[in-house]
């Protein structure tokens, strides 16, 4: 019988038509973490099909229906089978609602297990937003699903890499909405979330930089007043609470300063402002962390890659880093 404390994280398979099953199995073939600490939340037939294509010899798959059924023998990888996919209808590397629904149900089960204390963290393989919507689940992505199903109001997307870390004030909204919806209170909350997470990862007081919204961080109001009205007051308030935070800085230079080691994390004002430098520097090593949830959640920082799915070509680099970081944060 499984010891709950030994199961550090549950890994969701993501959209089965994409590269999720492959990168999960590849990461374990490299023995990055003992299978005694992990359970895969998936459809067993999908995982078995991917396992066969990859011709893996270093471990066997063990199908279970409940966490308590897990066997922690050497050379086994436990698959919690949710029986989600009809293999007669399944098409690899094709956008389809059945795959979107399977990805969603794996997330829902992982949340249930985490909230019950049966797993200590969740690691998610990529889902496809269009397939998710085709299945009737109208969410922008993982982050919003996790927040909604846990009733979490204050959360943020943090991208972590050894070279650069960023956290976002807004993510999956239009650029216009990210500008018109910018508020001091939200910026303060994101700085606070960055502080809590990076304090764990840095092992001490993190150094936080805040990016401006406008060119040259507004240039004292010449190119916009969002910095004066919202960002500067937020930074001053959080600095007054003892957090080592500075800014706002011009967005075209602040990320370079962080990469050079001056700061541990940059607070980005909107999705692409943070994603572009992070993905440029760490596309195969960056990890997506949802901060503010009642449990640890990490994810790969890339999509389902249908163009190479089910061909054995996908890189497992980001999945490896996501699992390592989940274990580190949950530990």
Protein backbone atom coordinates (compact mmCIF):
# COMPACT_ATOMS: atom_id res chain seq x y z
CA UNK A 1 0.00 0.00 0.00
CA UNK A 2 1.21 3.49 -0.83
CA UNK A 3 2.49 5.78 1.86
CA UNK A 4 0.98 9.19 1.16
CA UNK A 5 4.08 10.98 2.38
CA UNK A 6 6.20 9.11 -0.18
CA UNK A 7 4.17 10.45 -3.11
CA UNK A 8 5.70 13.86 -3.61
CA UNK A 9 3.96 14.77 -6.86
CA UNK A 10 1.32 13.70 -9.31
CA UNK A 11 2.04 14.35 -12.99
CA UNK A 12 -0.87 14.93 -15.36
CA UNK A 13 -0.48 13.61 -18.91
CA UNK A 14 -1.75 16.79 -20.60
CA UNK A 15 -3.45 16.57 -23.99
CA UNK A 16 -2.93 12.94 -25.05
CA UNK A 17 -2.74 13.91 -28.73
CA UNK A 18 0.31 16.05 -27.96
CA UNK A 19 3.77 15.42 -26.58
CA UNK A 20 2.79 15.14 -22.91
CA UNK A 21 2.89 11.32 -22.56
CA UNK A 22 6.20 11.16 -24.42
CA UNK A 23 8.05 13.77 -22.37
CA UNK A 24 6.81 12.25 -19.10
CA UNK A 25 8.12 8.82 -20.03
CA UNK A 26 11.40 10.19 -21.40
CA UNK A 27 12.06 12.07 -18.18
CA UNK A 28 11.70 8.88 -16.17
CA UNK A 29 13.85 6.91 -18.57
CA UNK A 30 16.63 9.25 -17.48
CA UNK A 31 15.88 8.40 -13.83
CA UNK A 32 15.61 12.01 -12.76
CA UNK A 33 13.53 11.06 -9.73
CA UNK A 34 12.62 7.83 -7.96
CA UNK A 35 9.29 6.43 -9.13
CA UNK A 36 8.54 5.87 -5.43
CA UNK A 37 7.81 9.58 -5.19
CA UNK A 38 5.56 10.02 -8.23
CA UNK A 39 2.30 8.87 -9.74
CA UNK A 40 1.20 9.66 -13.30
CA UNK A 41 -2.43 10.78 -13.57
CA UNK A 42 -3.46 9.68 -17.03
CA UNK A 43 -5.16 7.21 -19.29
CA UNK A 44 -3.21 3.97 -19.08
CA UNK A 45 -3.81 2.95 -22.71
CA UNK A 46 -2.36 6.26 -23.92
CA UNK A 47 0.70 5.93 -21.71
CA UNK A 48 1.18 2.30 -22.77
CA UNK A 49 0.98 3.25 -26.47
CA UNK A 50 3.59 5.97 -26.02
CA UNK A 51 5.72 3.61 -23.95
CA UNK A 52 5.66 1.11 -26.83
CA UNK A 53 6.66 3.70 -29.43
CA UNK A 54 9.60 4.85 -27.31
CA UNK A 55 10.68 1.22 -26.77
CA UNK A 56 11.55 1.84 -23.12
CA UNK A 57 13.38 -0.95 -21.28
CA UNK A 58 14.51 0.72 -18.05
CA UNK A 59 11.16 0.55 -16.22
CA UNK A 60 7.69 -0.97 -16.48
CA UNK A 61 4.29 0.67 -16.20
CA UNK A 62 2.06 -0.31 -13.29
CA UNK A 63 -1.64 0.48 -13.75
CA UNK A 64 -3.58 1.43 -10.59
CA UNK A 65 -7.14 2.58 -9.96
CA UNK A 66 -6.46 4.26 -6.61
CA UNK A 67 -3.46 5.89 -4.96
CA UNK A 68 -3.50 3.15 -2.32
CA UNK A 69 -2.86 0.58 -5.09
CA UNK A 70 0.54 2.02 -6.01
CA UNK A 71 3.48 -0.36 -5.78
CA UNK A 72 6.80 1.20 -5.03
CA UNK A 73 9.05 -1.51 -6.38
CA UNK A 74 12.20 -0.55 -8.21
CA UNK A 75 11.69 -0.26 -11.95
CA UNK A 76 7.97 0.53 -11.81
CA UNK A 77 6.18 3.72 -12.80
CA UNK A 78 2.67 3.94 -11.36
CA UNK A 79 -0.09 5.13 -13.71
CA UNK A 80 -3.35 6.17 -12.05
CA UNK A 81 -5.72 5.13 -14.83
CA UNK A 82 -8.73 7.42 -15.24
CA UNK A 83 -9.93 5.50 -18.31
CA UNK A 84 -10.60 8.63 -20.30
CA UNK A 85 -9.77 7.76 -23.92
CA UNK A 86 -11.49 5.46 -26.41
CA UNK A 87 -8.49 4.19 -28.37
CA UNK A 88 -10.72 3.30 -31.35
CA UNK A 89 -11.53 7.00 -31.76
CA UNK A 90 -8.24 8.48 -30.61
CA UNK A 91 -6.01 10.22 -33.17
CA UNK A 92 -2.47 11.20 -32.22
CA UNK A 93 -1.22 14.66 -33.17
CA UNK A 94 -4.75 15.81 -34.09
CA UNK A 95 -6.83 18.53 -32.44
CA UNK A 96 -9.91 16.82 -30.95
CA UNK A 97 -12.39 17.47 -28.12
CA UNK A 98 -11.88 14.05 -26.53
CA UNK A 99 -8.24 14.86 -25.89
CA UNK A 100 -9.13 18.27 -24.49
CA UNK A 101 -11.57 16.67 -22.08
CA UNK A 102 -9.04 14.01 -21.03
CA UNK A 103 -6.50 16.71 -20.20
CA UNK A 104 -9.08 18.58 -18.12
CA UNK A 105 -10.15 15.49 -16.17
CA UNK A 106 -6.53 14.68 -15.30
CA UNK A 107 -6.15 18.17 -13.84
CA UNK A 108 -9.39 17.85 -11.90
CA UNK A 109 -8.27 14.55 -10.40
CA UNK A 110 -4.84 15.93 -9.52
CA UNK A 111 -6.45 18.85 -7.67
CA UNK A 112 -8.63 16.42 -5.73
CA UNK A 113 -5.61 14.34 -4.73
CA UNK A 114 -3.59 17.39 -3.72
CA UNK A 115 -6.39 18.84 -1.62
CA UNK A 116 -6.87 15.48 0.09
CA UNK A 117 -3.17 15.32 0.93
CA UNK A 118 -2.58 12.23 -1.21
CA UNK A 119 0.06 14.02 -3.30
CA UNK A 120 2.28 16.90 -2.27
CA UNK A 121 2.51 18.73 -5.59
CA UNK A 122 1.15 18.74 -9.14
CA UNK A 123 3.26 18.77 -12.31
CA UNK A 124 1.33 19.31 -15.52
CA UNK A 125 2.18 18.31 -19.07
CA UNK A 126 0.87 20.70 -21.75
CA UNK A 127 -2.76 20.98 -22.77
CA UNK A 128 -4.17 22.53 -25.92
CA UNK A 129 -6.46 25.51 -25.28
CA UNK A 130 -8.48 25.01 -28.46
CA UNK A 131 -9.09 21.33 -27.68
CA UNK A 132 -10.03 22.31 -24.15
CA UNK A 133 -12.63 24.76 -25.48
CA UNK A 134 -13.91 22.21 -28.01
CA UNK A 135 -14.61 19.93 -25.05
CA UNK A 136 -16.68 22.63 -23.37
CA UNK A 137 -14.12 23.76 -20.78
CA UNK A 138 -13.90 27.50 -21.42
CA UNK A 139 -10.66 28.32 -19.62
CA UNK A 140 -7.67 30.26 -21.00
CA UNK A 141 -5.28 27.62 -19.63
CA UNK A 142 -3.98 25.60 -16.70
CA UNK A 143 -3.54 28.56 -14.38
CA UNK A 144 -7.19 29.60 -14.56
CA UNK A 145 -8.45 26.00 -14.18
CA UNK A 146 -6.38 25.51 -11.04
CA UNK A 147 -7.47 28.83 -9.57
CA UNK A 148 -11.15 28.24 -10.32
CA UNK A 149 -11.33 24.68 -9.03
CA UNK A 150 -9.56 25.62 -5.80
CA UNK A 151 -11.40 28.89 -5.26
CA UNK A 152 -8.12 30.82 -5.34
CA UNK A 153 -8.55 34.55 -5.94
CA UNK A 154 -4.97 35.81 -5.63
CA UNK A 155 -2.54 33.90 -7.83
CA UNK A 156 0.07 34.56 -10.48
CA UNK A 157 2.10 32.87 -13.18
CA UNK A 158 5.81 32.65 -12.38
CA UNK A 159 8.33 31.42 -14.95
CA UNK A 160 11.53 30.06 -13.42
CA UNK A 161 14.85 29.34 -15.06
CA UNK A 162 18.37 29.32 -13.67
CA UNK A 163 19.20 32.26 -15.94
CA UNK A 164 16.06 34.37 -15.42
CA UNK A 165 12.80 34.31 -13.46
CA UNK A 166 9.72 36.43 -14.13
CA UNK A 167 6.26 36.78 -12.60
CA UNK A 168 3.27 38.35 -14.31
CA UNK A 169 0.76 40.94 -13.18
CA UNK A 170 -1.58 39.84 -16.00
CA UNK A 171 -1.42 36.82 -18.31
CA UNK A 172 -4.16 35.50 -20.57
CA UNK A 173 -5.98 38.73 -21.35
CA UNK A 174 -5.76 41.14 -24.27
CA UNK A 175 -2.99 43.71 -24.29
CA UNK A 176 -5.60 46.44 -24.00
CA UNK A 177 -7.13 44.81 -20.92
CA UNK A 178 -3.71 44.39 -19.32
CA UNK A 179 -3.24 48.16 -19.64
CA UNK A 180 -6.68 49.40 -18.64
CA UNK A 181 -6.93 46.86 -15.82
CA UNK A 182 -3.58 47.67 -14.23
CA UNK A 183 -4.07 48.35 -10.52
CA UNK A 184 -1.72 49.06 -7.63
CA UNK A 185 -3.34 46.40 -5.44
CA UNK A 186 -2.69 43.67 -7.99
CA UNK A 187 0.93 44.73 -8.46
CA UNK A 188 1.45 44.62 -4.69
CA UNK A 189 -0.03 41.13 -4.49
CA UNK A 190 2.22 39.86 -7.29
CA UNK A 191 5.31 41.34 -5.59
CA UNK A 192 4.24 39.56 -2.40
CA UNK A 193 3.78 36.25 -4.26
CA UNK A 194 7.18 36.65 -5.92
CA UNK A 195 8.77 37.29 -2.55
CA UNK A 196 7.29 34.17 -0.94
CA UNK A 197 8.30 31.80 -3.72
CA UNK A 198 11.74 33.21 -4.42
CA UNK A 199 12.60 33.25 -0.72
CA UNK A 200 12.35 29.44 -0.86
CA UNK A 201 14.29 29.13 -4.10
CA UNK A 202 16.98 31.67 -3.17
CA UNK A 203 17.40 30.43 0.38
CA UNK A 204 17.32 34.03 1.59
CA UNK A 205 15.88 37.45 0.87
CA UNK A 206 15.19 37.76 -2.88
CA UNK A 207 15.98 40.86 -4.91
CA UNK A 208 12.93 41.88 -6.91
CA UNK A 209 12.83 44.25 -9.88
CA UNK A 210 9.61 45.68 -11.30
CA UNK A 211 9.31 46.44 -15.01
CA UNK A 212 7.49 49.49 -16.25
CA UNK A 213 4.54 49.21 -18.58
CA UNK A 214 5.48 51.94 -21.05
CA UNK A 215 8.68 52.63 -23.04
CA UNK A 216 11.39 53.99 -20.74
CA UNK A 217 9.04 53.20 -17.81
CA UNK A 218 6.95 56.19 -18.84
CA UNK A 219 9.79 58.76 -18.74
CA UNK A 220 8.14 60.70 -15.90
CA UNK A 221 4.78 60.75 -17.64
CA UNK A 222 5.95 61.60 -21.16
CA UNK A 223 4.92 58.18 -22.55
CA UNK A 224 2.08 57.30 -20.19
CA UNK A 225 1.18 57.78 -16.55
CA UNK A 226 0.55 54.18 -15.44
CA UNK A 227 3.92 54.10 -13.71
CA UNK A 228 3.15 57.27 -11.73
CA UNK A 229 -0.43 56.31 -10.86
CA UNK A 230 -0.14 52.58 -10.15
CA UNK A 231 3.34 51.04 -10.28
CA UNK A 232 5.43 53.50 -8.24
CA UNK A 233 2.94 53.56 -5.32
CA UNK A 234 2.87 49.75 -5.29
CA UNK A 235 6.67 49.49 -5.19
CA UNK A 236 6.93 52.10 -2.44
CA UNK A 237 4.30 50.36 -0.33
CA UNK A 238 5.95 46.93 -0.60
CA UNK A 239 9.37 48.40 0.07
CA UNK A 240 7.88 49.94 3.21
CA UNK A 241 6.80 46.45 4.27
CA UNK A 242 10.41 45.29 4.21
CA UNK A 243 10.54 43.64 0.79
CA UNK A 244 13.69 44.24 -1.27
CA UNK A 245 11.98 45.55 -4.39
CA UNK A 246 13.01 48.28 -6.84
CA UNK A 247 11.51 49.92 -9.90
CA UNK A 248 9.77 50.51 -12.14
CA UNK A 249 12.62 50.11 -14.63
CA UNK A 250 12.55 50.43 -18.43
CA UNK A 251 11.37 47.06 -19.78
CA UNK A 252 14.08 46.98 -22.45
CA UNK A 253 16.90 46.83 -19.85
CA UNK A 254 15.55 45.32 -16.64
CA UNK A 255 15.65 41.72 -17.87
CA UNK A 256 19.29 42.10 -18.87
CA UNK A 257 20.09 43.36 -15.38
CA UNK A 258 18.40 40.29 -13.90
CA UNK A 259 20.33 37.94 -16.18
CA UNK A 260 23.55 39.64 -15.08
CA UNK A 261 22.69 38.76 -11.49
CA UNK A 262 21.48 42.05 -10.08
CA UNK A 263 17.96 40.73 -9.43
CA UNK A 264 16.48 37.31 -8.67
CA UNK A 265 13.14 37.93 -10.39
CA UNK A 266 11.42 40.55 -12.53
CA UNK A 267 7.77 41.50 -12.12
CA UNK A 268 6.39 41.81 -15.67
CA UNK A 269 3.26 43.82 -16.33
CA UNK A 270 1.75 41.55 -19.01
CA UNK A 271 2.12 38.13 -20.63
CA UNK A 272 4.52 38.72 -23.51
CA UNK A 273 6.67 41.20 -21.61
CA UNK A 274 7.77 38.34 -19.36
CA UNK A 275 7.42 35.38 -21.70
CA UNK A 276 9.57 36.67 -24.56
CA UNK A 277 12.86 37.06 -22.63
CA UNK A 278 12.28 33.88 -20.63
CA UNK A 279 11.57 31.73 -23.67
CA UNK A 280 14.46 33.28 -25.57
CA UNK A 281 16.85 32.22 -22.82
CA UNK A 282 15.26 29.01 -21.55
CA UNK A 283 12.76 27.52 -23.98
CA UNK A 284 13.67 23.93 -23.07
CA UNK A 285 14.49 24.56 -19.41
CA UNK A 286 11.98 27.13 -18.17
CA UNK A 287 9.33 26.03 -15.67
CA UNK A 288 5.85 27.50 -15.18
CA UNK A 289 4.84 27.82 -11.52
CA UNK A 290 1.36 28.84 -10.37
CA UNK A 291 1.92 30.71 -7.11
CA UNK A 292 -0.82 31.42 -4.60
CA UNK A 293 -2.51 27.99 -4.80
CA UNK A 294 -2.99 25.81 -1.68
CA UNK A 295 -0.43 23.36 -3.10
CA UNK A 296 2.67 23.40 -5.31
CA UNK A 297 2.05 23.34 -9.04
CA UNK A 298 4.70 23.42 -11.76
CA UNK A 299 4.51 22.82 -15.48
CA UNK A 300 6.51 22.72 -18.65
CA UNK A 301 6.74 26.09 -20.34
CA UNK A 302 5.74 24.98 -23.86
CA UNK A 303 2.75 23.68 -25.74
CA UNK A 304 1.46 20.39 -27.11
CA UNK A 305 3.60 20.52 -30.29
CA UNK A 306 1.24 18.46 -32.48
CA UNK A 307 3.68 18.83 -35.38
CA UNK A 308 6.16 16.46 -33.67
CA UNK A 309 3.84 14.55 -31.34
CA UNK A 310 4.00 10.75 -31.22
CA UNK A 311 7.23 10.67 -33.21
CA UNK A 312 9.72 10.35 -30.35
CA UNK A 313 11.25 13.75 -31.17
CA UNK A 314 10.06 15.91 -28.26
CA UNK A 315 12.54 17.33 -25.76
CA UNK A 316 11.91 16.44 -22.12
CA UNK A 317 14.14 19.24 -20.79
CA UNK A 318 11.36 21.44 -19.43
CA UNK A 319 9.53 18.45 -17.91
CA UNK A 320 12.67 17.36 -16.09
CA UNK A 321 13.12 20.85 -14.66
CA UNK A 322 9.42 21.06 -13.73
CA UNK A 323 9.59 17.84 -11.73
CA UNK A 324 12.82 18.86 -10.01
CA UNK A 325 11.36 22.23 -9.06
CA UNK A 326 8.11 20.68 -7.76
CA UNK A 327 10.09 18.34 -5.52
CA UNK A 328 12.21 21.24 -4.32
CA UNK A 329 9.23 23.45 -3.50
CA UNK A 330 7.17 20.64 -1.95
CA UNK A 331 10.10 19.34 0.04
